[in-house]
Protein backbone atom coordinates (compact mmCIF):
# COMPACT_ATOMS: atom_id res chain seq x y z
CA MET A 1 123.43 68.78 101.16
CA THR A 2 119.75 69.43 100.66
CA ALA A 3 116.97 70.75 102.82
CA LEU A 4 115.14 68.17 104.85
CA HIS A 5 111.36 68.22 105.06
CA TYR A 6 108.83 65.84 106.56
CA ASP A 7 105.13 66.15 105.79
CA SER A 8 103.92 64.77 109.13
CA TYR A 9 104.86 64.54 112.74
CA THR A 10 104.93 60.74 112.44
CA GLU A 11 107.35 60.84 109.51
CA ALA A 12 109.58 63.33 111.40
CA ARG A 13 109.55 61.17 114.52
CA THR A 14 110.63 58.16 112.48
CA HIS A 15 113.56 60.21 111.10
CA LEU A 16 114.36 62.17 114.27
CA LYS A 17 118.11 61.54 114.08
CA GLU A 18 118.27 62.82 110.50
CA LEU A 19 116.19 65.85 111.44
CA LEU A 20 118.47 66.74 114.37
CA ASP A 21 121.62 66.04 112.32
CA ALA A 22 120.39 68.44 109.62
CA ALA A 23 119.64 71.14 112.20
CA GLU A 24 123.09 70.70 113.77
CA GLN A 25 124.70 71.10 110.32
CA GLY A 26 122.75 74.29 109.73
CA ARG A 27 120.61 72.75 106.98
CA PRO A 28 116.93 73.71 106.70
CA ALA A 29 114.94 71.03 108.54
CA THR A 30 111.18 71.38 108.58
CA VAL A 31 108.13 69.44 109.70
CA ARG A 32 104.59 70.05 108.54
CA ARG A 33 101.71 69.56 110.99
CA ASP A 34 98.32 70.29 109.51
CA ALA A 35 98.64 73.68 107.81
CA ALA A 36 101.65 74.82 109.84
CA THR A 37 105.33 74.22 109.17
CA ALA A 38 107.88 74.21 111.97
CA MET A 39 111.61 74.40 111.60
CA VAL A 40 114.16 72.58 113.74
CA VAL A 41 117.21 74.77 114.36
CA ASP A 42 120.42 74.16 116.32
CA ALA A 43 120.18 76.21 119.52
CA ASP A 44 123.74 77.67 119.35
CA ARG A 45 123.22 78.78 115.72
CA LEU A 46 119.88 80.32 116.64
CA ARG A 47 121.36 82.17 119.61
CA ARG A 48 124.20 83.57 117.50
CA PHE A 49 121.66 84.75 114.91
CA LEU A 50 119.43 86.32 117.56
CA LEU A 51 122.35 88.17 119.06
CA SER A 52 122.95 89.80 115.68
CA ALA A 53 119.20 90.46 115.14
CA TYR A 54 118.67 91.83 118.63
CA PRO A 55 121.55 93.99 119.67
CA SER A 56 121.16 95.14 123.22
CA ARG A 57 119.73 98.63 123.41
CA ALA A 58 119.92 98.68 127.19
CA GLN A 59 120.27 102.09 128.69
CA VAL A 60 122.00 102.47 132.07
CA VAL A 61 121.48 105.62 134.08
CA ALA A 62 123.07 106.71 137.37
CA GLU A 63 120.42 108.34 139.49
CA ALA A 64 119.53 109.03 143.10
CA GLY A 65 122.63 107.23 144.45
CA GLY A 66 121.97 104.10 142.43
CA TRP A 67 121.61 102.76 138.89
CA SER A 68 118.69 102.07 136.60
CA VAL A 69 118.63 99.86 133.56
CA PHE A 70 115.90 99.80 130.90
CA ILE A 71 115.44 98.79 127.29
CA PRO A 72 113.47 101.33 125.22
CA GLY A 73 110.32 99.80 123.81
CA LEU A 74 110.14 97.01 126.40
CA PRO A 75 108.18 97.07 129.62
CA VAL A 76 111.28 95.88 131.49
CA ALA A 77 113.43 97.90 133.87
CA ALA A 78 115.51 97.37 136.96
CA ASP A 79 117.25 99.37 139.67
CA GLY A 80 120.19 98.63 141.97
CA ALA A 81 122.49 100.31 144.42
CA SER A 82 125.42 99.46 142.15
CA PHE A 83 125.86 99.02 138.43
CA ASP A 84 126.35 95.24 138.85
CA GLU A 85 123.30 94.94 141.06
CA ALA A 86 121.12 96.83 138.55
CA VAL A 87 122.32 94.57 135.74
CA THR A 88 121.63 91.44 137.87
CA GLU A 89 118.13 92.76 138.58
CA MET A 90 117.64 93.42 134.85
CA ILE A 91 118.54 89.80 134.08
CA ASP A 92 115.87 88.71 136.57
CA ALA A 93 113.39 91.16 134.99
CA LEU A 94 114.14 89.84 131.52
CA ARG A 95 113.55 86.25 132.68
CA GLU A 96 110.25 87.26 134.31
CA TYR A 97 109.22 89.01 131.08
CA ALA A 98 110.06 85.86 129.11
CA ASP A 99 107.98 83.74 131.49
CA ASP A 100 105.06 86.19 131.23
CA TRP A 101 105.42 86.23 127.41
CA GLN A 102 105.19 82.45 127.28
CA ASP A 103 102.29 82.43 129.72
CA HIS A 104 100.04 85.10 128.22
CA LEU A 105 101.79 87.95 126.36
CA TYR A 106 102.70 85.95 123.20
CA ASN A 107 99.40 86.72 121.51
CA ILE A 108 99.01 90.38 122.56
CA SER A 109 99.77 92.67 119.64
CA ASN A 110 102.34 94.87 121.32
CA HIS A 111 104.27 91.84 122.65
CA SER A 112 103.86 89.15 119.97
CA ASP A 113 106.83 90.30 117.93
CA ASN A 114 109.15 89.91 120.94
CA TRP A 115 109.39 86.14 120.33
CA GLY A 116 113.02 86.51 119.18
CA LEU A 117 113.97 88.29 122.38
CA VAL A 118 112.21 85.64 124.43
CA HIS A 119 114.15 82.94 122.59
CA LEU A 120 117.40 84.81 123.11
CA ILE A 121 116.67 84.99 126.83
CA ALA A 122 115.76 81.29 127.00
CA LEU A 123 118.95 80.27 125.12
CA SER A 124 121.26 82.41 127.27
CA ASP A 125 122.61 81.86 130.74
CA ASP A 126 122.95 84.73 133.18
CA ASP A 127 126.56 85.49 132.17
CA GLN A 128 125.62 85.61 128.52
CA LEU A 129 122.71 87.94 129.27
CA ARG A 130 125.02 90.15 131.32
CA LEU A 131 127.44 90.40 128.38
CA TRP A 132 124.58 91.14 126.03
CA LEU A 133 123.16 93.85 128.25
CA THR A 134 126.48 95.59 128.93
CA GLY A 135 127.86 95.21 125.41
CA ALA A 136 130.99 93.62 126.81
CA PRO A 137 132.99 91.56 124.30
């Protein structure tokens, strides 16, 4: 098995099956477009990697008859009357942050490095995000 690389979008399109097969197998699969190189990665493999690279640092606090959830260093927080409600609200807040990141925050210096978190959010369903936030096995 060797790495797979195509020097143009046209060449990659002609060999799309091979490119996707390589990504699925976990092999490096890249495409050059002008001066930039992009990598094609299997989504499940990328999600597993991102889970290890971005452990949840969510903090949950009981306060004022309810619960608050926040992640230090991120402008994302949520409140709820119950623990489950606060976590559900946090999932919604994370999805809104990911949308905002893709819309306009991606090139702002204090947000641009959150691309991995945004990908983790995009690759996760609500149950997976709930497990990530709560640290449940």
